[in-house]
PDB file of N, CA and C in Angstrom:
ATOM      1  N   UNK A   1       0.824  -1.196   0.000  1.00  0.00           N
ATOM      2  CA  UNK A   1       0.000   0.000   0.000  1.00  0.00           C
ATOM      3  C   UNK A   1       0.863   1.253   0.000  1.00  0.00           C
ATOM      4  N   UNK A   2       0.374   2.294  -0.604  1.00  0.00           N
ATOM      5  CA  UNK A   2       1.115   3.557  -0.616  1.00  0.00           C
ATOM      6  C   UNK A   2       0.159   4.737  -0.472  1.00  0.00           C
ATOM      7  N   UNK A   3       0.764   5.869  -0.166  1.00  0.00           N
ATOM      8  CA  UNK A   3       0.043   7.126  -0.018  1.00  0.00           C
ATOM      9  C   UNK A   3       0.737   8.147  -0.920  1.00  0.00           C
ATOM     10  N   UNK A   4      -0.022   9.004  -1.550  1.00  0.00           N
ATOM     11  CA  UNK A   4       0.522  10.084  -2.375  1.00  0.00           C
ATOM     12  C   UNK A   4       0.263  11.389  -1.629  1.00  0.00           C
ATOM     13  N   UNK A   5       1.337  12.143  -1.397  1.00  0.00           N
ATOM     14  CA  UNK A   5       1.228  13.404  -0.673  1.00  0.00           C
ATOM     15  C   UNK A   5       1.796  14.520  -1.540  1.00  0.00           C
ATOM     16  N   UNK A   6       1.007  15.575  -1.713  1.00  0.00           N
ATOM     17  CA  UNK A   6       1.411  16.736  -2.502  1.00  0.00           C
ATOM     18  C   UNK A   6       1.160  18.000  -1.712  1.00  0.00           C
ATOM     19  N   UNK A   7       1.979  19.003  -1.937  1.00  0.00           N
ATOM     20  CA  UNK A   7       1.685  20.340  -1.450  1.00  0.00           C
ATOM     21  C   UNK A   7       0.730  21.006  -2.421  1.00  0.00           C
ATOM     22  N   UNK A   8      -0.306  21.624  -1.914  1.00  0.00           N
ATOM     23  CA  UNK A   8      -1.312  22.225  -2.798  1.00  0.00           C
ATOM     24  C   UNK A   8      -0.758  23.381  -3.627  1.00  0.00           C
ATOM     25  N   UNK A   9       0.357  23.963  -3.186  1.00  0.00           N
ATOM     26  CA  UNK A   9       0.969  25.080  -3.919  1.00  0.00           C
ATOM     27  C   UNK A   9       2.243  24.664  -4.638  1.00  0.00           C
ATOM     28  N   UNK A  10       2.342  23.398  -5.014  1.00  0.00           N
ATOM     29  CA  UNK A  10       3.530  22.913  -5.717  1.00  0.00           C
ATOM     30  C   UNK A  10       3.636  23.611  -7.065  1.00  0.00           C
ATOM     31  N   UNK A  11       4.717  24.325  -7.283  1.00  0.00           N
ATOM     32  CA  UNK A  11       4.935  25.018  -8.560  1.00  0.00           C
ATOM     33  C   UNK A  11       5.893  24.271  -9.479  1.00  0.00           C
ATOM     34  N   UNK A  12       6.400  23.124  -9.027  1.00  0.00           N
ATOM     35  CA  UNK A  12       7.282  22.319  -9.866  1.00  0.00           C
ATOM     36  C   UNK A  12       6.483  21.230 -10.588  1.00  0.00           C
ATOM     37  N   UNK A  13       5.572  20.597  -9.867  1.00  0.00           N
ATOM     38  CA  UNK A  13       4.688  19.593 -10.446  1.00  0.00           C
ATOM     39  C   UNK A  13       3.275  20.001 -10.081  1.00  0.00           C
ATOM     40  N   UNK A  14       2.441  20.378 -10.982  1.00  0.00           N
ATOM     41  CA  UNK A  14       2.626  20.270 -12.418  1.00  0.00           C
ATOM     42  C   UNK A  14       3.444  21.429 -12.982  1.00  0.00           C
ATOM     43  N   UNK A  15       4.332  21.076 -13.846  1.00  0.00           N
ATOM     44  CA  UNK A  15       5.085  22.070 -14.590  1.00  0.00           C
ATOM     45  C   UNK A  15       4.195  22.538 -15.732  1.00  0.00           C
ATOM     46  N   UNK A  16       3.959  23.832 -15.815  1.00  0.00           N
ATOM     47  CA  UNK A  16       2.999  24.324 -16.815  1.00  0.00           C
ATOM     48  C   UNK A  16       3.400  23.995 -18.243  1.00  0.00           C
ATOM     49  N   UNK A  17       4.693  23.755 -18.484  1.00  0.00           N
ATOM     50  CA  UNK A  17       5.146  23.430 -19.841  1.00  0.00           C
ATOM     51  C   UNK A  17       5.067  21.922 -20.125  1.00  0.00           C
ATOM     52  N   UNK A  18       5.241  21.111 -19.098  1.00  0.00           N
ATOM     53  CA  UNK A  18       5.271  19.662 -19.297  1.00  0.00           C
ATOM     54  C   UNK A  18       3.955  18.960 -18.971  1.00  0.00           C
ATOM     55  N   UNK A  19       3.260  19.415 -17.941  1.00  0.00           N
ATOM     56  CA  UNK A  19       2.094  18.695 -17.465  1.00  0.00           C
ATOM     57  C   UNK A  19       0.770  19.402 -17.720  1.00  0.00           C
ATOM     58  N   UNK A  20       0.746  20.684 -17.425  1.00  0.00           N
ATOM     59  CA  UNK A  20      -0.534  21.383 -17.474  1.00  0.00           C
ATOM     60  C   UNK A  20      -1.434  20.899 -16.358  1.00  0.00           C
ATOM     61  N   UNK A  21      -2.575  21.483 -16.218  1.00  0.00           N
ATOM     62  CA  UNK A  21      -3.524  21.046 -15.205  1.00  0.00           C
ATOM     63  C   UNK A  21      -3.168  21.538 -13.812  1.00  0.00           C
ATOM     64  N   UNK A  22      -3.919  21.058 -12.857  1.00  0.00           N
ATOM     65  CA  UNK A  22      -3.733  21.472 -11.470  1.00  0.00           C
ATOM     66  C   UNK A  22      -2.903  20.441 -10.709  1.00  0.00           C
ATOM     67  N   UNK A  23      -2.412  20.861  -9.563  1.00  0.00           N
ATOM     68  CA  UNK A  23      -1.647  19.947  -8.721  1.00  0.00           C
ATOM     69  C   UNK A  23      -2.516  18.768  -8.286  1.00  0.00           C
ATOM     70  N   UNK A  24      -3.760  19.039  -7.909  1.00  0.00           N
ATOM     71  CA  UNK A  24      -4.664  17.960  -7.503  1.00  0.00           C
ATOM     72  C   UNK A  24      -4.872  16.966  -8.642  1.00  0.00           C
ATOM     73  N   UNK A  25      -5.056  17.459  -9.844  1.00  0.00           N
ATOM     74  CA  UNK A  25      -5.261  16.578 -11.004  1.00  0.00           C
ATOM     75  C   UNK A  25      -4.040  15.685 -11.229  1.00  0.00           C
ATOM     76  N   UNK A  26      -2.850  16.256 -11.149  1.00  0.00           N
ATOM     77  CA  UNK A  26      -1.621  15.480 -11.338  1.00  0.00           C
ATOM     78  C   UNK A  26      -1.474  14.444 -10.226  1.00  0.00           C
ATOM     79  N   UNK A  27      -1.769  14.828  -8.983  1.00  0.00           N
ATOM     80  CA  UNK A  27      -1.686  13.889  -7.855  1.00  0.00           C
ATOM     81  C   UNK A  27      -2.644  12.722  -8.060  1.00  0.00           C
ATOM     82  N   UNK A  28      -3.853  13.015  -8.482  1.00  0.00           N
ATOM     83  CA  UNK A  28      -4.851  11.967  -8.711  1.00  0.00           C
ATOM     84  C   UNK A  28      -4.463  11.068  -9.879  1.00  0.00           C
ATOM     85  N   UNK A  29      -3.905  11.660 -10.931  1.00  0.00           N
ATOM     86  CA  UNK A  29      -3.456  10.847 -12.070  1.00  0.00           C
ATOM     87  C   UNK A  29      -2.334   9.911 -11.648  1.00  0.00           C
ATOM     88  N   UNK A  30      -1.385  10.441 -10.884  1.00  0.00           N
ATOM     89  CA  UNK A  30      -0.285   9.603 -10.402  1.00  0.00           C
ATOM     90  C   UNK A  30      -0.787   8.482  -9.511  1.00  0.00           C
ATOM     91  N   UNK A  31      -1.684   8.826  -8.594  1.00  0.00           N
ATOM     92  CA  UNK A  31      -2.233   7.819  -7.682  1.00  0.00           C
ATOM     93  C   UNK A  31      -2.979   6.731  -8.439  1.00  0.00           C
ATOM     94  N   UNK A  32      -3.668   7.099  -9.503  1.00  0.00           N
ATOM     95  CA  UNK A  32      -4.437   6.109 -10.273  1.00  0.00           C
ATOM     96  C   UNK A  32      -3.532   5.100 -10.972  1.00  0.00           C
ATOM     97  N   UNK A  33      -2.272   5.422 -11.128  1.00  0.00           N
ATOM     98  CA  UNK A  33      -1.315   4.515 -11.780  1.00  0.00           C
ATOM     99  C   UNK A  33      -0.608   3.596 -10.784  1.00  0.00           C
ATOM    100  N   UNK A  34      -0.857   3.806  -9.517  1.00  0.00           N
ATOM    101  CA  UNK A  34      -0.265   2.969  -8.469  1.00  0.00           C
ATOM    102  C   UNK A  34      -1.338   1.996  -7.983  1.00  0.00           C
ATOM    103  N   UNK A  35      -1.200   0.715  -8.296  1.00  0.00           N
ATOM    104  CA  UNK A  35      -2.272  -0.231  -8.003  1.00  0.00           C
ATOM    105  C   UNK A  35      -2.644  -0.316  -6.521  1.00  0.00           C
ATOM    106  N   UNK A  36      -1.718  -0.040  -5.641  1.00  0.00           N
ATOM    107  CA  UNK A  36      -1.999  -0.150  -4.212  1.00  0.00           C
ATOM    108  C   UNK A  36      -2.075   1.198  -3.513  1.00  0.00           C
ATOM    109  N   UNK A  37      -2.351   2.246  -4.262  1.00  0.00           N
ATOM    110  CA  UNK A  37      -2.479   3.560  -3.644  1.00  0.00           C
ATOM    111  C   UNK A  37      -3.781   3.616  -2.865  1.00  0.00           C
ATOM    112  N   UNK A  38      -3.669   3.930  -1.593  1.00  0.00           N
ATOM    113  CA  UNK A  38      -4.833   3.937  -0.718  1.00  0.00           C
ATOM    114  C   UNK A  38      -5.365   5.332  -0.428  1.00  0.00           C
ATOM    115  N   UNK A  39      -4.529   6.364  -0.652  1.00  0.00           N
ATOM    116  CA  UNK A  39      -4.948   7.696  -0.240  1.00  0.00           C
ATOM    117  C   UNK A  39      -4.133   8.758  -0.963  1.00  0.00           C
ATOM    118  N   UNK A  40      -4.795   9.871  -1.293  1.00  0.00           N
ATOM    119  CA  UNK A  40      -4.126  11.058  -1.814  1.00  0.00           C
ATOM    120  C   UNK A  40      -4.341  12.169  -0.790  1.00  0.00           C
ATOM    121  N   UNK A  41      -3.251  12.785  -0.360  1.00  0.00           N
ATOM    122  CA  UNK A  41      -3.317  13.862   0.632  1.00  0.00           C
ATOM    123  C   UNK A  41      -2.745  15.129   0.007  1.00  0.00           C
ATOM    124  N   UNK A  42      -3.515  16.197   0.076  1.00  0.00           N
ATOM    125  CA  UNK A  42      -3.051  17.508  -0.375  1.00  0.00           C
ATOM    126  C   UNK A  42      -2.814  18.363   0.867  1.00  0.00           C
ATOM    127  N   UNK A  43      -1.579  18.812   1.050  1.00  0.00           N
ATOM    128  CA  UNK A  43      -1.224  19.627   2.206  1.00  0.00           C
ATOM    129  C   UNK A  43      -1.378  21.101   1.812  1.00  0.00           C
ATOM    130  N   UNK A  44      -2.286  21.823   2.462  1.00  0.00           N
ATOM    131  CA  UNK A  44      -2.513  23.228   2.105  1.00  0.00           C
ATOM    132  C   UNK A  44      -1.312  24.104   2.452  1.00  0.00           C
ATOM    133  N   UNK A  45      -1.112  25.140   1.659  1.00  0.00           N
ATOM    134  CA  UNK A  45      -0.060  26.136   1.887  1.00  0.00           C
ATOM    135  C   UNK A  45       1.341  25.544   1.892  1.00  0.00           C
ATOM    136  N   UNK A  46       1.529  24.446   1.176  1.00  0.00           N
ATOM    137  CA  UNK A  46       2.844  23.828   1.043  1.00  0.00           C
ATOM    138  C   UNK A  46       3.155  23.673  -0.438  1.00  0.00           C
ATOM    139  N   UNK A  47       4.437  23.716  -0.760  1.00  0.00           N
ATOM    140  CA  UNK A  47       4.867  23.582  -2.144  1.00  0.00           C
ATOM    141  C   UNK A  47       5.508  22.237  -2.404  1.00  0.00           C
ATOM    142  N   UNK A  48       6.527  22.236  -3.263  1.00  0.00           N
ATOM    143  CA  UNK A  48       7.177  21.002  -3.678  1.00  0.00           C
ATOM    144  C   UNK A  48       7.900  20.311  -2.530  1.00  0.00           C
ATOM    145  N   UNK A  49       8.387  21.072  -1.568  1.00  0.00           N
ATOM    146  CA  UNK A  49       9.092  20.490  -0.426  1.00  0.00           C
ATOM    147  C   UNK A  49       8.123  20.333   0.744  1.00  0.00           C
ATOM    148  N   UNK A  50       7.042  19.619   0.460  1.00  0.00           N
ATOM    149  CA  UNK A  50       5.925  19.478   1.388  1.00  0.00           C
ATOM    150  C   UNK A  50       6.352  18.891   2.729  1.00  0.00           C
ATOM    151  N   UNK A  51       7.350  18.035   2.731  1.00  0.00           N
ATOM    152  CA  UNK A  51       7.774  17.412   3.982  1.00  0.00           C
ATOM    153  C   UNK A  51       8.385  18.424   4.944  1.00  0.00           C
ATOM    154  N   UNK A  52       8.851  19.564   4.442  1.00  0.00           N
ATOM    155  CA  UNK A  52       9.361  20.639   5.301  1.00  0.00           C
ATOM    156  C   UNK A  52       8.330  21.750   5.452  1.00  0.00           C
ATOM    157  N   UNK A  53       7.715  22.133   4.350  1.00  0.00           N
ATOM    158  CA  UNK A  53       6.803  23.276   4.350  1.00  0.00           C
ATOM    159  C   UNK A  53       5.492  22.987   5.086  1.00  0.00           C
ATOM    160  N   UNK A  54       5.085  21.748   5.094  1.00  0.00           N
ATOM    161  CA  UNK A  54       3.859  21.348   5.794  1.00  0.00           C
ATOM    162  C   UNK A  54       4.132  20.163   6.697  1.00  0.00           C
ATOM    163  N   UNK A  55       5.248  20.235   7.418  1.00  0.00           N
ATOM    164  CA  UNK A  55       5.751  19.071   8.154  1.00  0.00           C
ATOM    165  C   UNK A  55       4.756  18.486   9.157  1.00  0.00           C
ATOM    166  N   UNK A  56       4.014  19.317   9.863  1.00  0.00           N
ATOM    167  CA  UNK A  56       3.082  18.781  10.860  1.00  0.00           C
ATOM    168  C   UNK A  56       2.013  17.907  10.204  1.00  0.00           C
ATOM    169  N   UNK A  57       1.379  18.420   9.156  1.00  0.00           N
ATOM    170  CA  UNK A  57       0.341  17.634   8.470  1.00  0.00           C
ATOM    171  C   UNK A  57       0.936  16.464   7.695  1.00  0.00           C
ATOM    172  N   UNK A  58       2.116  16.663   7.139  1.00  0.00           N
ATOM    173  CA  UNK A  58       2.798  15.577   6.430  1.00  0.00           C
ATOM    174  C   UNK A  58       3.053  14.421   7.391  1.00  0.00           C
ATOM    175  N   UNK A  59       3.665  14.722   8.532  1.00  0.00           N
ATOM    176  CA  UNK A  59       3.985  13.683   9.516  1.00  0.00           C
ATOM    177  C   UNK A  59       2.717  13.008  10.036  1.00  0.00           C
ATOM    178  N   UNK A  60       1.697  13.792  10.312  1.00  0.00           N
ATOM    179  CA  UNK A  60       0.414  13.247  10.796  1.00  0.00           C
ATOM    180  C   UNK A  60      -0.177  12.302   9.768  1.00  0.00           C
ATOM    181  N   UNK A  61      -0.134  12.689   8.491  1.00  0.00           N
ATOM    182  CA  UNK A  61      -0.685  11.840   7.418  1.00  0.00           C
ATOM    183  C   UNK A  61       0.064  10.526   7.304  1.00  0.00           C
ATOM    184  N   UNK A  62       1.387  10.588   7.385  1.00  0.00           N
ATOM    185  CA  UNK A  62       2.192   9.371   7.290  1.00  0.00           C
ATOM    186  C   UNK A  62       1.932   8.471   8.489  1.00  0.00           C
ATOM    187  N   UNK A  63       1.915   9.033   9.676  1.00  0.00           N
ATOM    188  CA  UNK A  63       1.685   8.228  10.873  1.00  0.00           C
ATOM    189  C   UNK A  63       0.310   7.569  10.858  1.00  0.00           C
ATOM    190  N   UNK A  64      -0.712   8.284  10.437  1.00  0.00           N
ATOM    191  CA  UNK A  64      -2.050   7.710  10.341  1.00  0.00           C
ATOM    192  C   UNK A  64      -2.084   6.587   9.308  1.00  0.00           C
ATOM    193  N   UNK A  65      -1.336   6.764   8.237  1.00  0.00           N
ATOM    194  CA  UNK A  65      -1.330   5.762   7.165  1.00  0.00           C
ATOM    195  C   UNK A  65      -0.656   4.459   7.603  1.00  0.00           C
ATOM    196  N   UNK A  66       0.434   4.561   8.355  1.00  0.00           N
ATOM    197  CA  UNK A  66       1.176   3.356   8.719  1.00  0.00           C
ATOM    198  C   UNK A  66       0.622   2.643   9.948  1.00  0.00           C
ATOM    199  N   UNK A  67      -0.324   3.259  10.640  1.00  0.00           N
ATOM    200  CA  UNK A  67      -0.908   2.609  11.829  1.00  0.00           C
ATOM    201  C   UNK A  67      -1.855   1.503  11.433  1.00  0.00           C
TER     202      UNK A  67
END
């Protein structure tokens, strides 16, 4: 099982030249390609370095997922 975590303000993915669309759309597309993806989490007010920029919610999401 896996979890997909994105910062809602990620300006690297989606790259407007390569991907287009919204960050949520890209996260959902990626998750749909992972057969054992159980959850998509969007961390508000965080960018590409979500594990630092939204560390409290990131850590909480990971801990809840692995329990």
